[in-house]
């Protein structure tokens, strides 16, 4: 039981040493992820359209 209590004490102490991001940093990271996801989604969609067109040309 003492080992479990010590584990939680150590975990809490470690969380105190963490360098947490500021709100602007979190917002900037979120925006970057959203832009990447939108760009990737559009790329996959356009590739899908292109492959559909190619398949329709090959298969009557």
Protein backbone atom coordinates (compact mmCIF):
# COMPACT_ATOMS: atom_id res chain seq x y z
CA UNK A 1 0.00 0.00 0.00
CA UNK A 2 2.88 2.35 0.77
CA UNK A 3 4.25 1.85 -2.74
CA UNK A 4 0.94 3.00 -4.25
CA UNK A 5 0.83 6.10 -2.04
CA UNK A 6 4.44 6.90 -2.94
CA UNK A 7 3.63 6.47 -6.63
CA UNK A 8 0.84 9.07 -6.44
CA UNK A 9 3.05 11.46 -4.49
CA UNK A 10 5.78 11.14 -7.09
CA UNK A 11 3.28 11.59 -9.91
CA UNK A 12 1.92 14.76 -8.32
CA UNK A 13 5.44 16.13 -7.83
CA UNK A 14 6.27 15.37 -11.46
CA UNK A 15 3.16 17.22 -12.67
CA UNK A 16 4.43 20.27 -10.80
CA UNK A 17 7.58 20.25 -12.93
CA UNK A 18 5.73 20.06 -16.23
CA UNK A 19 6.02 23.10 -18.48
CA UNK A 20 2.39 23.59 -19.49
CA UNK A 21 1.65 25.48 -22.73
CA UNK A 22 0.03 28.88 -22.57
CA UNK A 23 -3.43 29.49 -23.99
CA UNK A 24 -2.08 31.19 -27.15
CA UNK A 25 0.25 28.24 -27.74
CA UNK A 26 -2.66 25.80 -27.44
CA UNK A 27 -4.79 27.86 -29.82
CA UNK A 28 -1.93 28.08 -32.33
CA UNK A 29 -1.41 24.33 -32.19
CA UNK A 30 -5.13 23.70 -32.59
CA UNK A 31 -5.27 25.97 -35.63
CA UNK A 32 -2.31 24.19 -37.20
CA UNK A 33 -3.96 20.81 -36.69
CA UNK A 34 -7.26 22.02 -38.15
CA UNK A 35 -5.55 23.46 -41.23
CA UNK A 36 -3.66 20.21 -41.75
CA UNK A 37 -6.80 18.10 -41.35
CA UNK A 38 -8.75 20.27 -43.79
CA UNK A 39 -5.90 20.18 -46.34
CA UNK A 40 -5.57 16.41 -46.02
CA UNK A 41 -9.34 15.95 -46.34
CA UNK A 42 -9.43 18.03 -49.51
CA UNK A 43 -6.47 16.13 -50.95
CA UNK A 44 -8.10 12.76 -50.32
CA UNK A 45 -11.42 14.02 -51.75
CA UNK A 46 -9.76 15.31 -54.93
CA UNK A 47 -7.82 12.06 -55.36
CA UNK A 48 -11.06 10.14 -54.92
CA UNK A 49 -12.73 12.21 -57.64
CA UNK A 50 -9.76 11.69 -59.97
CA UNK A 51 -9.73 7.92 -59.43
CA UNK A 52 -13.51 7.77 -59.94
CA UNK A 53 -13.10 9.52 -63.27
CA UNK A 54 -10.28 7.17 -64.30
CA UNK A 55 -12.27 4.09 -63.35
CA UNK A 56 -15.29 5.33 -65.31
CA UNK A 57 -13.05 5.76 -68.36
CA UNK A 58 -11.61 2.26 -68.03
CA UNK A 59 -14.80 0.46 -67.07
CA UNK A 60 -17.73 1.32 -69.35
